[in-house]
Structure formats: C-alpha cells, structure tokens
Amino acid sequence: MANKTASSKQKSFGTTMGVSSIIAILVLIVLIVFAALSIMTSKADLTLAQKTANTITAYYEADNKAEERLSEISKAVKAGGNWQESLSGEDITFSTTESGTEVSYRVVVNEDLTLLVTLHVSNAGEISRKEWHLTSLTEWAPDNGLSVMQ
C-alpha cells in the first residue's frame, strides 16, 4: 500500500506542476500583450501631442502676424487721409457700410487652417474687432459608409 500512495503523490505533483507552468506562461503572455499595447498607445499619444503643439505654435505665430497687421491698419487710420489706398497693395479687402468701413484679411496658420480677421473702422476712426477666428481650408466630408441599421 505504501507504493500506491507514493506513486499517486508523484502523479498529482507532476500534474500540479504542469498546470502552474501553463498559468504562469499565460500570465506572462498577457503581460507582454499589455506592455505592447501600452507602448503603442504611448506612441500614438506622443504623435498627437506633437501635432497639437505644432498647430498651437503655428496659431500663435499667425495670431502675432494678425496683430502686427492690425497695428499697421491702426497707424494708417490714425495718419488720416486716404488710408485705404496705403493698405490696398496687401491682401486686404474693404467694404463700405453706413457706419464706416469693414476691413478683412486672412493669415495662414498651416495647410488646413487660416485665421480670418474682420475689423470695423468707424467714420470717427475707431477700430473694433468684428471677427477673429480660425477657419478650415478643407471641406469636411462625413463618412457615411457604415450602415448600422438595415
């Protein structure tokens, strides 16, 4: 009887050792998969952060150029005379209204965005901002290819 109990203990010990090895291997595979996913997510986040930083930097550079142009327009208006002719060589458009003149110009931010500026110059020579916002140069086209409801 002693031989039977010793051999049954050996079999159960070998089976337990095999199951624990399989579990350890599966846990290791799961950890490797999570590590790979973590690295891929980190790389995607880095790429997005770099794109965002580049866009923000380009926006502030365009905003600075728009402010410089606003300063030039302000100086021309304060100088008096025919200030519109002194600015007409640039890519500025003018439209006359009852209360004054609207001045519009664009500053390119990047290949997709432009900063649109519209100013109102009153007949008294006061300048106010009417519009100062980003506009997209590309037209958005929705993707209607996925039909969920039949």
Protein backbone atom coordinates (compact mmCIF):
# COMPACT_ATOMS: atom_id res chain seq x y z
CA MET A 1 0.00 0.00 0.00
CA ALA A 2 2.88 2.28 0.63
CA ASN A 3 3.86 2.03 -3.02
CA LYS A 4 0.39 3.05 -4.21
CA THR A 5 0.28 6.20 -2.11
CA ALA A 6 3.79 7.22 -3.14
CA SER A 7 3.03 6.78 -6.85
CA SER A 8 -0.28 8.66 -6.57
CA LYS A 9 1.52 11.55 -4.84
CA GLN A 10 4.05 11.67 -7.67
CA LYS A 11 1.31 11.82 -10.32
CA SER A 12 -0.59 14.61 -8.60
CA PHE A 13 2.61 16.58 -8.04
CA GLY A 14 3.51 16.35 -11.74
CA THR A 15 0.01 17.40 -12.82
CA THR A 16 0.02 20.37 -10.46
CA MET A 17 3.40 21.44 -11.71
CA GLY A 18 2.17 21.39 -15.33
CA VAL A 19 -0.97 23.45 -14.59
CA SER A 20 1.00 26.08 -12.68
CA SER A 21 3.52 26.33 -15.54
CA ILE A 22 0.71 26.83 -18.05
CA ILE A 23 -0.87 29.52 -15.86
CA ALA A 24 2.50 31.25 -15.47
CA ILE A 25 3.04 31.18 -19.25
CA LEU A 26 -0.46 32.58 -19.89
CA VAL A 27 0.09 35.36 -17.34
CA LEU A 28 3.41 36.17 -18.99
CA ILE A 29 1.76 36.32 -22.44
CA VAL A 30 -0.98 38.61 -21.10
CA LEU A 31 1.64 40.91 -19.55
CA ILE A 32 3.57 41.04 -22.82
CA VAL A 33 0.40 41.91 -24.75
CA PHE A 34 -0.46 44.68 -22.28
CA ALA A 35 3.09 46.02 -22.49
CA ALA A 36 2.92 46.11 -26.30
CA LEU A 37 -0.46 47.87 -26.19
CA SER A 38 0.89 50.35 -23.67
CA ILE A 39 3.86 51.17 -25.91
CA MET A 40 1.62 51.61 -28.95
CA THR A 41 -0.76 53.88 -27.01
CA SER A 42 2.15 55.95 -25.72
CA LYS A 43 3.50 56.37 -29.25
CA ALA A 44 0.08 57.46 -30.53
CA ASP A 45 -0.27 59.93 -27.65
CA LEU A 46 3.18 61.35 -28.38
CA THR A 47 2.31 61.81 -32.06
CA LEU A 48 -0.95 63.55 -31.15
CA ALA A 49 0.80 65.79 -28.62
CA GLN A 50 3.41 66.80 -31.22
CA LYS A 51 0.72 67.61 -33.80
CA THR A 52 -1.19 69.64 -31.24
CA ALA A 53 1.94 71.52 -30.17
CA ASN A 54 2.81 72.30 -33.80
CA THR A 55 -0.72 73.55 -34.50
CA ILE A 56 -0.79 75.71 -31.38
CA THR A 57 2.62 77.19 -32.20
CA ALA A 58 1.51 77.93 -35.76
CA TYR A 59 -1.71 79.52 -34.46
CA TYR A 60 0.14 81.87 -32.12
CA GLU A 61 2.56 82.84 -34.90
CA ALA A 62 -0.41 83.62 -37.17
CA ASP A 63 -2.13 85.50 -34.35
CA ASN A 64 1.02 87.57 -33.88
CA LYS A 65 1.11 88.39 -37.62
CA ALA A 66 -2.56 89.35 -37.50
CA GLU A 67 -1.88 91.65 -34.54
CA GLU A 68 1.01 93.26 -36.45
CA ARG A 69 -1.28 93.81 -39.42
CA LEU A 70 -3.88 95.32 -37.08
CA SER A 71 -1.22 97.69 -35.78
CA GLU A 72 -0.34 98.72 -39.36
CA ILE A 73 -4.01 99.35 -40.12
CA SER A 74 -4.40 101.36 -36.92
CA LYS A 75 -1.38 103.53 -37.79
CA ALA A 76 -2.72 104.11 -41.31
CA VAL A 77 -6.17 105.07 -39.98
CA LYS A 78 -4.66 107.44 -37.40
CA ALA A 79 -2.48 109.03 -40.08
CA GLY A 80 -5.69 110.09 -41.79
CA GLY A 81 -6.08 110.87 -45.43
CA ASN A 82 -6.84 108.03 -47.80
CA TRP A 83 -5.68 105.20 -45.53
CA GLN A 84 -7.35 102.54 -47.67
CA GLU A 85 -5.06 103.23 -50.63
CA SER A 86 -1.95 102.93 -48.45
CA LEU A 87 -3.05 99.41 -47.47
CA SER A 88 -4.53 98.30 -50.81
CA GLY A 89 -1.32 96.62 -52.01
CA GLU A 90 -1.71 93.88 -49.44
CA ASP A 91 -4.27 91.08 -49.38
CA ILE A 92 -6.79 93.20 -47.51
CA THR A 93 -10.38 93.67 -48.65
CA PHE A 94 -12.52 96.68 -47.85
CA SER A 95 -16.27 97.05 -47.80
CA THR A 96 -18.02 100.30 -47.02
CA THR A 97 -21.00 100.36 -44.66
CA GLU A 98 -23.17 103.19 -43.35
CA SER A 99 -21.21 103.43 -40.11
CA GLY A 100 -17.72 103.07 -41.59
CA THR A 101 -15.54 100.55 -43.36
CA GLU A 102 -15.05 96.84 -42.79
CA VAL A 103 -11.51 95.60 -43.30
CA SER A 104 -10.89 91.86 -43.78
CA TYR A 105 -7.73 89.86 -44.14
CA ARG A 106 -6.53 86.29 -43.65
CA VAL A 107 -3.37 84.90 -42.11
CA VAL A 108 -2.42 81.31 -42.97
CA VAL A 109 -1.86 79.13 -39.91
CA ASN A 110 -0.97 75.85 -41.65
CA GLU A 111 -2.09 73.86 -44.69
CA ASP A 112 -5.50 73.22 -43.09
CA LEU A 113 -6.29 76.40 -41.12
CA THR A 114 -6.40 80.13 -41.69
CA LEU A 115 -7.07 82.97 -39.27
CA LEU A 116 -9.88 85.20 -40.54
CA VAL A 117 -9.88 88.78 -39.25
CA THR A 118 -12.61 91.33 -39.87
CA LEU A 119 -12.32 94.80 -38.37
CA HIS A 120 -14.78 97.66 -38.32
CA VAL A 121 -13.32 101.14 -38.77
CA SER A 122 -15.93 103.70 -37.83
CA ASN A 123 -16.28 107.04 -39.60
CA ALA A 124 -14.71 108.60 -36.49
CA GLY A 125 -11.61 106.41 -36.95
CA GLU A 126 -12.24 103.95 -34.12
CA ILE A 127 -11.25 100.34 -34.81
CA SER A 128 -13.13 97.39 -33.35
CA ARG A 129 -12.77 93.68 -33.94
CA LYS A 130 -15.75 92.14 -35.62
CA GLU A 131 -14.31 88.65 -36.30
CA TRP A 132 -11.10 86.96 -35.22
CA HIS A 133 -11.35 83.20 -35.63
CA LEU A 134 -9.92 80.11 -37.27
CA THR A 135 -11.48 78.73 -40.42
CA SER A 136 -10.74 75.45 -42.12
CA LEU A 137 -9.35 75.43 -45.64
CA THR A 138 -10.54 71.91 -46.29
CA GLU A 139 -14.17 70.97 -46.54
CA TRP A 140 -15.35 68.37 -44.10
CA ALA A 141 -16.89 65.31 -45.74
CA PRO A 142 -18.67 62.84 -43.47
CA ASP A 143 -18.08 59.14 -43.89
CA ASN A 144 -21.47 57.54 -44.48
CA GLY A 145 -20.04 54.15 -45.44
CA LEU A 146 -21.08 52.24 -42.31
CA SER A 147 -24.71 51.22 -42.36
CA VAL A 148 -25.61 50.10 -38.87
CA MET A 149 -29.36 49.94 -39.33
CA GLN A 150 -30.54 47.92 -42.30
